Amino acid sequence: MKVLFVLTSHDQLGNTGEKTGFWLEEFAAPYYAFKDAGVEITLASPAGGQPPLDPKSDMPDFQTDTTRRFAQDPAAQAELAKTTPLSQIKGEEFDLLFYPGGHGPLWDLAEDAVSIALIEQFDRAGKPFGLVCHAPGALRHVRAANGDPIVKGRRVTGFSNAEEAAVGLTEVVPFLIEDEFQRQGGLYEKGPDWRSYVVVDGRLVTGQNPASSDAVAHALLKLAS
């Protein structure tokens, strides 16, 4: 079995002058969930090469068993440093698709035509795909086969308005996932702030926040089994 990870290449947090990128736990927890299950992992990003890490996600307060495992895993670090440019990826070669979050995807993956087409390809093929935290924002312009927004009429989650307010970025992000999904007719759900909350609707899996990362990966594995 093969899974494709799509990571952000965007490193600027709006006009704040601060850095962003992908959130370490949201990469590390699913990476090891898939690796320990014997799944072959390929890493990709729009620009290729080393994707930017949100520096906050590497702070002591946000370390987990999987982030510590990654810190001691030079092979995984080397793999991450040379992600394949997304334009070179052939979606038909993969069984599963996964998007880690961090704020970066709200700027690049949400608007990336290659990413949009890739998700649509998985949807049309009936293959499982999952996104966690801010990565569900990559669904913003994705369309179902009938031309509707892919989230219309579907149960979905993603980083909540309350969580965005708690980190002080409501006015910085280009859009709020909760509002955007509701605007598009998505059946947005959420659990308590910062607690694992995962929604499975058909072959689409979404997770609310970093704590949901491992559960999203295991939900995808279950769909693929």
C-alpha atoms as a PDB file:
ATOM      1  CA  MET A   1       0.000   0.000   0.000  1.00  0.00           C
ATOM      2  CA  LYS A   2       1.202   3.511  -0.807  1.00  0.00           C
ATOM      3  CA  VAL A   3       0.302   6.847   0.780  1.00  0.00           C
ATOM      4  CA  LEU A   4       1.106  10.302  -0.559  1.00  0.00           C
ATOM      5  CA  PHE A   5       1.700  13.122   1.937  1.00  0.00           C
ATOM      6  CA  VAL A   6       1.194  16.637   0.537  1.00  0.00           C
ATOM      7  CA  LEU A   7       2.883  19.345   2.617  1.00  0.00           C
ATOM      8  CA  THR A   8       2.771  23.114   2.304  1.00  0.00           C
ATOM      9  CA  SER A   9       5.593  25.183   0.785  1.00  0.00           C
ATOM     10  CA  HIS A  10       4.288  28.466   2.259  1.00  0.00           C
ATOM     11  CA  ASP A  11       6.285  30.010   5.107  1.00  0.00           C
ATOM     12  CA  GLN A  12       4.863  33.517   5.671  1.00  0.00           C
ATOM     13  CA  LEU A  13       2.130  34.095   8.264  1.00  0.00           C
ATOM     14  CA  GLY A  14       0.218  36.737   6.334  1.00  0.00           C
ATOM     15  CA  ASN A  15       1.691  40.208   6.846  1.00  0.00           C
ATOM     16  CA  THR A  16       2.800  39.580  10.431  1.00  0.00           C
ATOM     17  CA  GLY A  17       6.460  39.066   9.561  1.00  0.00           C
ATOM     18  CA  GLU A  18       6.297  35.741  11.388  1.00  0.00           C
ATOM     19  CA  LYS A  19       7.034  32.335   9.899  1.00  0.00           C
ATOM     20  CA  THR A  20       4.605  29.495   9.377  1.00  0.00           C
ATOM     21  CA  GLY A  21       4.571  26.207   7.463  1.00  0.00           C
ATOM     22  CA  PHE A  22       3.500  22.709   8.443  1.00  0.00           C
ATOM     23  CA  TRP A  23       2.844  21.663  12.053  1.00  0.00           C
ATOM     24  CA  LEU A  24       5.341  19.055  13.223  1.00  0.00           C
ATOM     25  CA  GLU A  25       2.959  16.803  15.178  1.00  0.00           C
ATOM     26  CA  GLU A  26       0.545  16.705  12.227  1.00  0.00           C
ATOM     27  CA  PHE A  27       3.328  15.294  10.075  1.00  0.00           C
ATOM     28  CA  ALA A  28       5.089  13.070  12.602  1.00  0.00           C
ATOM     29  CA  ALA A  29       2.100  11.277  14.149  1.00  0.00           C
ATOM     30  CA  PRO A  30       0.603  10.152  10.804  1.00  0.00           C
ATOM     31  CA  TYR A  31       4.048   9.455   9.348  1.00  0.00           C
ATOM     32  CA  TYR A  32       4.757   6.871  12.030  1.00  0.00           C
ATOM     33  CA  ALA A  33       1.192   5.535  12.028  1.00  0.00           C
ATOM     34  CA  PHE A  34       1.591   4.684   8.352  1.00  0.00           C
ATOM     35  CA  LYS A  35       5.217   3.582   8.639  1.00  0.00           C
ATOM     36  CA  ASP A  36       4.477   1.231  11.537  1.00  0.00           C
ATOM     37  CA  ALA A  37       1.613  -0.232   9.492  1.00  0.00           C
ATOM     38  CA  GLY A  38       4.022  -1.072   6.664  1.00  0.00           C
ATOM     39  CA  VAL A  39       2.677   1.551   4.273  1.00  0.00           C
ATOM     40  CA  GLU A  40       5.088   3.017   1.697  1.00  0.00           C
ATOM     41  CA  ILE A  41       5.249   6.803   2.159  1.00  0.00           C
ATOM     42  CA  THR A  42       5.984   9.438  -0.494  1.00  0.00           C
ATOM     43  CA  LEU A  43       6.317  13.104   0.498  1.00  0.00           C
ATOM     44  CA  ALA A  44       5.439  15.940  -1.873  1.00  0.00           C
ATOM     45  CA  SER A  45       4.990  19.713  -1.759  1.00  0.00           C
ATOM     46  CA  PRO A  46       4.251  22.427  -4.341  1.00  0.00           C
ATOM     47  CA  ALA A  47       7.876  23.652  -4.458  1.00  0.00           C
ATOM     48  CA  GLY A  48       9.586  20.345  -3.670  1.00  0.00           C
ATOM     49  CA  GLY A  49      12.571  20.078  -1.366  1.00  0.00           C
ATOM     50  CA  GLN A  50      12.433  20.937   2.341  1.00  0.00           C
ATOM     51  CA  PRO A  51       8.968  22.168   3.340  1.00  0.00           C
ATOM     52  CA  PRO A  52       8.929  24.975   5.904  1.00  0.00           C
ATOM     53  CA  LEU A  53       8.302  23.939   9.499  1.00  0.00           C
ATOM     54  CA  ASP A  54       6.166  26.215  11.649  1.00  0.00           C
ATOM     55  CA  PRO A  55       8.776  27.144  14.273  1.00  0.00           C
ATOM     56  CA  LYS A  56       6.160  27.198  17.044  1.00  0.00           C
ATOM     57  CA  SER A  57       5.425  23.512  16.463  1.00  0.00           C
ATOM     58  CA  ASP A  58       9.012  22.668  17.377  1.00  0.00           C
ATOM     59  CA  MET A  59       8.806  24.374  20.779  1.00  0.00           C
ATOM     60  CA  PRO A  60       8.977  22.221  23.936  1.00  0.00           C
ATOM     61  CA  ASP A  61       5.294  22.724  24.798  1.00  0.00           C
ATOM     62  CA  PHE A  62       4.228  21.035  21.569  1.00  0.00           C
ATOM     63  CA  GLN A  63       6.476  17.984  21.636  1.00  0.00           C
ATOM     64  CA  THR A  64       4.907  14.520  21.611  1.00  0.00           C
ATOM     65  CA  ASP A  65       6.247  10.973  21.495  1.00  0.00           C
ATOM     66  CA  THR A  66       6.126  11.079  17.684  1.00  0.00           C
ATOM     67  CA  THR A  67       7.872  14.449  17.339  1.00  0.00           C
ATOM     68  CA  ARG A  68      10.605  13.190  19.661  1.00  0.00           C
ATOM     69  CA  ARG A  69      10.853  10.026  17.585  1.00  0.00           C
ATOM     70  CA  PHE A  70      11.223  12.161  14.447  1.00  0.00           C
ATOM     71  CA  ALA A  71      13.987  14.210  16.101  1.00  0.00           C
ATOM     72  CA  GLN A  72      15.933  10.955  16.578  1.00  0.00           C
ATOM     73  CA  ASP A  73      15.229   9.654  13.045  1.00  0.00           C
ATOM     74  CA  PRO A  74      17.798  10.952  10.533  1.00  0.00           C
ATOM     75  CA  ALA A  75      16.323   8.822   7.741  1.00  0.00           C
ATOM     76  CA  ALA A  76      12.912  10.465   8.139  1.00  0.00           C
ATOM     77  CA  GLN A  77      14.526  13.903   8.340  1.00  0.00           C
ATOM     78  CA  ALA A  78      16.417  13.235   5.110  1.00  0.00           C
ATOM     79  CA  GLU A  79      13.203  12.078   3.430  1.00  0.00           C
ATOM     80  CA  LEU A  80      11.402  15.247   4.493  1.00  0.00           C
ATOM     81  CA  ALA A  81      14.246  17.408   3.180  1.00  0.00           C
ATOM     82  CA  LYS A  82      13.688  16.198  -0.395  1.00  0.00           C
ATOM     83  CA  THR A  83       9.947  16.207  -1.011  1.00  0.00           C
ATOM     84  CA  THR A  84       8.929  15.638  -4.621  1.00  0.00           C
ATOM     85  CA  PRO A  85       7.482  18.648  -6.487  1.00  0.00           C
ATOM     86  CA  LEU A  86       3.737  18.128  -6.574  1.00  0.00           C
ATOM     87  CA  SER A  87       3.663  18.651 -10.347  1.00  0.00           C
ATOM     88  CA  GLN A  88       5.715  15.451 -10.786  1.00  0.00           C
ATOM     89  CA  ILE A  89       3.293  13.256  -8.827  1.00  0.00           C
ATOM     90  CA  LYS A  90       1.010  10.726 -10.517  1.00  0.00           C
ATOM     91  CA  GLY A  91      -2.009  10.288  -8.271  1.00  0.00           C
ATOM     92  CA  GLU A  92      -2.947   6.919  -9.740  1.00  0.00           C
ATOM     93  CA  GLU A  93       0.190   5.404  -8.198  1.00  0.00           C
ATOM     94  CA  PHE A  94      -1.129   5.900  -4.644  1.00  0.00           C
ATOM     95  CA  ASP A  95      -3.812   4.233  -2.539  1.00  0.00           C
ATOM     96  CA  LEU A  96      -4.152   6.947   0.117  1.00  0.00           C
ATOM     97  CA  LEU A  97      -3.727  10.718   0.229  1.00  0.00           C
ATOM     98  CA  PHE A  98      -2.933  12.707   3.367  1.00  0.00           C
ATOM     99  CA  TYR A  99      -2.466  16.433   4.053  1.00  0.00           C
ATOM    100  CA  PRO A 100      -0.798  17.603   7.306  1.00  0.00           C
ATOM    101  CA  GLY A 101      -1.825  21.049   8.524  1.00  0.00           C
ATOM    102  CA  GLY A 102      -0.135  24.068   9.936  1.00  0.00           C
ATOM    103  CA  HIS A 103      -1.292  27.472   8.723  1.00  0.00           C
ATOM    104  CA  GLY A 104       0.714  27.258   5.485  1.00  0.00           C
ATOM    105  CA  PRO A 105      -1.899  25.288   3.469  1.00  0.00           C
ATOM    106  CA  LEU A 106      -4.430  28.116   3.824  1.00  0.00           C
ATOM    107  CA  TRP A 107      -2.253  30.184   1.500  1.00  0.00           C
ATOM    108  CA  ASP A 108      -0.774  27.749  -1.013  1.00  0.00           C
ATOM    109  CA  LEU A 109      -2.565  24.398  -1.078  1.00  0.00           C
ATOM    110  CA  ALA A 110      -5.999  26.013  -0.907  1.00  0.00           C
ATOM    111  CA  GLU A 111      -5.249  27.751  -4.218  1.00  0.00           C
ATOM    112  CA  ASP A 112      -2.917  25.222  -5.884  1.00  0.00           C
ATOM    113  CA  ALA A 113      -4.399  23.886  -9.138  1.00  0.00           C
ATOM    114  CA  VAL A 114      -2.282  20.716  -9.025  1.00  0.00           C
ATOM    115  CA  SER A 115      -3.388  19.930  -5.476  1.00  0.00           C
ATOM    116  CA  ILE A 116      -7.034  20.629  -6.333  1.00  0.00           C
ATOM    117  CA  ALA A 117      -6.866  18.276  -9.321  1.00  0.00           C
ATOM    118  CA  LEU A 118      -5.150  15.595  -7.212  1.00  0.00           C
ATOM    119  CA  ILE A 119      -7.885  15.620  -4.572  1.00  0.00           C
ATOM    120  CA  GLU A 120     -10.547  15.539  -7.286  1.00  0.00           C
ATOM    121  CA  GLN A 121      -8.765  12.546  -8.841  1.00  0.00           C
ATOM    122  CA  PHE A 122      -8.865  10.660  -5.522  1.00  0.00           C
ATOM    123  CA  ASP A 123     -12.506  11.575  -5.004  1.00  0.00           C
ATOM    124  CA  ARG A 124     -13.520  10.363  -8.479  1.00  0.00           C
ATOM    125  CA  ALA A 125     -11.534   7.139  -8.017  1.00  0.00           C
ATOM    126  CA  GLY A 126     -13.183   6.408  -4.660  1.00  0.00           C
ATOM    127  CA  LYS A 127      -9.832   6.321  -2.869  1.00  0.00           C
ATOM    128  CA  PRO A 128      -9.512   7.508   0.754  1.00  0.00           C
ATOM    129  CA  PHE A 129      -8.094  10.955   1.423  1.00  0.00           C
ATOM    130  CA  GLY A 130      -7.585  12.779   4.709  1.00  0.00           C
ATOM    131  CA  LEU A 131      -6.672  16.250   5.916  1.00  0.00           C
ATOM    132  CA  VAL A 132      -6.035  17.553   9.425  1.00  0.00           C
ATOM    133  CA  CYS A 133      -6.308  20.896  11.249  1.00  0.00           C
ATOM    134  CA  HIS A 134      -5.741  23.693   8.672  1.00  0.00           C
ATOM    135  CA  ALA A 135      -5.120  21.298   5.793  1.00  0.00           C
ATOM    136  CA  PRO A 136      -8.884  20.854   5.173  1.00  0.00           C
ATOM    137  CA  GLY A 137      -8.605  24.390   3.796  1.00  0.00           C
ATOM    138  CA  ALA A 138      -7.057  22.694   0.738  1.00  0.00           C
ATOM    139  CA  LEU A 139     -10.621  21.563  -0.088  1.00  0.00           C
ATOM    140  CA  ARG A 140     -11.752  25.178  -0.599  1.00  0.00           C
ATOM    141  CA  HIS A 141     -11.856  25.065  -4.420  1.00  0.00           C
ATOM    142  CA  VAL A 142     -12.184  21.297  -4.873  1.00  0.00           C
ATOM    143  CA  ARG A 143     -15.309  20.206  -6.735  1.00  0.00           C
ATOM    144  CA  ALA A 144     -17.329  17.028  -6.643  1.00  0.00           C
ATOM    145  CA  ALA A 145     -18.122  15.244  -9.919  1.00  0.00           C
ATOM    146  CA  ASN A 146     -21.401  17.181 -10.200  1.00  0.00           C
ATOM    147  CA  GLY A 147     -19.599  20.530  -9.943  1.00  0.00           C
ATOM    148  CA  ASP A 148     -20.665  21.334  -6.381  1.00  0.00           C
ATOM    149  CA  PRO A 149     -18.092  22.147  -3.681  1.00  0.00           C
ATOM    150  CA  ILE A 150     -16.739  18.826  -2.480  1.00  0.00           C
ATOM    151  CA  VAL A 151     -17.825  19.594   1.093  1.00  0.00           C
ATOM    152  CA  LYS A 152     -21.432  20.405   0.177  1.00  0.00           C
ATOM    153  CA  GLY A 153     -23.768  18.108   2.081  1.00  0.00           C
ATOM    154  CA  ARG A 154     -20.843  16.246   3.647  1.00  0.00           C
ATOM    155  CA  ARG A 155     -19.804  15.963   7.278  1.00  0.00           C
ATOM    156  CA  VAL A 156     -16.472  17.714   7.729  1.00  0.00           C
ATOM    157  CA  THR A 157     -14.300  19.309  10.391  1.00  0.00           C
ATOM    158  CA  GLY A 158     -11.158  21.417  10.546  1.00  0.00           C
ATOM    159  CA  PHE A 159      -9.559  24.048  12.782  1.00  0.00           C
ATOM    160  CA  SER A 160     -12.455  25.811  14.484  1.00  0.00           C
ATOM    161  CA  ASN A 161     -13.174  29.530  14.747  1.00  0.00           C
ATOM    162  CA  ALA A 162     -12.715  29.269  18.526  1.00  0.00           C
ATOM    163  CA  GLU A 163      -9.286  27.669  18.133  1.00  0.00           C
ATOM    164  CA  GLU A 164      -8.242  30.292  15.561  1.00  0.00           C
ATOM    165  CA  ALA A 165      -9.338  33.027  17.954  1.00  0.00           C
ATOM    166  CA  ALA A 166      -7.408  31.367  20.768  1.00  0.00           C
ATOM    167  CA  VAL A 167      -4.163  31.594  18.786  1.00  0.00           C
ATOM    168  CA  GLY A 168      -4.937  35.196  17.814  1.00  0.00           C
ATOM    169  CA  LEU A 169      -4.965  34.694  14.053  1.00  0.00           C
ATOM    170  CA  THR A 170      -8.612  35.245  13.122  1.00  0.00           C
ATOM    171  CA  GLU A 171      -7.730  38.494  11.311  1.00  0.00           C
ATOM    172  CA  VAL A 172      -4.503  37.124   9.802  1.00  0.00           C
ATOM    173  CA  VAL A 173      -5.625  33.980   7.978  1.00  0.00           C
ATOM    174  CA  PRO A 174      -7.031  34.343   4.433  1.00  0.00           C
ATOM    175  CA  PHE A 175     -10.218  32.526   5.467  1.00  0.00           C
ATOM    176  CA  LEU A 176     -11.693  30.645   8.407  1.00  0.00           C
ATOM    177  CA  ILE A 177     -12.259  26.950   7.714  1.00  0.00           C
ATOM    178  CA  GLU A 178     -15.418  26.677   9.822  1.00  0.00           C
ATOM    179  CA  ASP A 179     -17.019  29.667   8.074  1.00  0.00           C
ATOM    180  CA  GLU A 180     -15.875  28.587   4.603  1.00  0.00           C
ATOM    181  CA  PHE A 181     -17.234  25.051   4.929  1.00  0.00           C
ATOM    182  CA  GLN A 182     -20.569  26.334   6.192  1.00  0.00           C
ATOM    183  CA  ARG A 183     -20.730  28.876   3.350  1.00  0.00           C
ATOM    184  CA  GLN A 184     -20.220  26.046   0.856  1.00  0.00           C
ATOM    185  CA  GLY A 185     -22.956  23.910   2.379  1.00  0.00           C
ATOM    186  CA  GLY A 186     -20.658  21.612   4.326  1.00  0.00           C
ATOM    187  CA  LEU A 187     -21.996  19.960   7.471  1.00  0.00           C
ATOM    188  CA  TYR A 188     -19.250  21.330   9.715  1.00  0.00           C
ATOM    189  CA  GLU A 189     -18.757  19.636  13.095  1.00  0.00           C
ATOM    190  CA  LYS A 190     -16.349  20.250  15.955  1.00  0.00           C
ATOM    191  CA  GLY A 191     -15.438  18.854  19.329  1.00  0.00           C
ATOM    192  CA  PRO A 192     -13.869  20.580  22.339  1.00  0.00           C
ATOM    193  CA  ASP A 193     -10.942  22.882  21.550  1.00  0.00           C
ATOM    194  CA  TRP A 194      -7.579  21.087  21.262  1.00  0.00           C
ATOM    195  CA  ARG A 195      -9.097  17.608  21.732  1.00  0.00           C
ATOM    196  CA  SER A 196      -8.997  14.905  19.074  1.00  0.00           C
ATOM    197  CA  TYR A 197     -12.048  15.076  16.808  1.00  0.00           C
ATOM    198  CA  VAL A 198     -12.243  13.194  13.505  1.00  0.00           C
ATOM    199  CA  VAL A 199     -15.070  12.998  10.977  1.00  0.00           C
ATOM    200  CA  VAL A 200     -15.347  10.263   8.346  1.00  0.00           C
ATOM    201  CA  ASP A 201     -17.764  10.870   5.461  1.00  0.00           C
ATOM    202  CA  GLY A 202     -17.452   8.198   2.801  1.00  0.00           C
ATOM    203  CA  ARG A 203     -13.804   8.188   1.743  1.00  0.00           C
ATOM    204  CA  LEU A 204     -13.130  11.680   3.114  1.00  0.00           C
ATOM    205  CA  VAL A 205     -11.501  11.973   6.555  1.00  0.00           C
ATOM    206  CA  THR A 206     -11.000  15.308   8.303  1.00  0.00           C
ATOM    207  CA  GLY A 207      -9.473  16.113  11.694  1.00  0.00           C
ATOM    208  CA  GLN A 208     -10.053  19.256  13.734  1.00  0.00           C
ATOM    209  CA  ASN A 209      -6.648  20.067  15.229  1.00  0.00           C
ATOM    210  CA  PRO A 210      -3.134  18.729  15.922  1.00  0.00           C
ATOM    211  CA  ALA A 211      -4.446  16.275  18.527  1.00  0.00           C
ATOM    212  CA  SER A 212      -6.522  14.643  15.769  1.00  0.00           C
ATOM    213  CA  SER A 213      -3.525  13.751  13.577  1.00  0.00           C
ATOM    214  CA  ASP A 214      -2.952  10.168  14.685  1.00  0.00           C
ATOM    215  CA  ALA A 215      -6.672   9.352  14.580  1.00  0.00           C
ATOM    216  CA  VAL A 216      -6.994  10.683  11.014  1.00  0.00           C
ATOM    217  CA  ALA A 217      -4.165   8.388   9.897  1.00  0.00           C
ATOM    218  CA  HIS A 218      -5.764   5.369  11.566  1.00  0.00           C
ATOM    219  CA  ALA A 219      -9.143   6.221  10.031  1.00  0.00           C
ATOM    220  CA  LEU A 220      -7.505   6.247   6.597  1.00  0.00           C
ATOM    221  CA  LEU A 221      -5.823   2.913   7.302  1.00  0.00           C
ATOM    222  CA  LYS A 222      -9.176   1.446   8.290  1.00  0.00           C
ATOM    223  CA  LEU A 223     -10.790   2.674   5.071  1.00  0.00           C
ATOM    224  CA  ALA A 224      -7.972   1.126   3.050  1.00  0.00           C
ATOM    225  CA  SER A 225      -8.095  -2.255   4.782  1.00  0.00           C
END
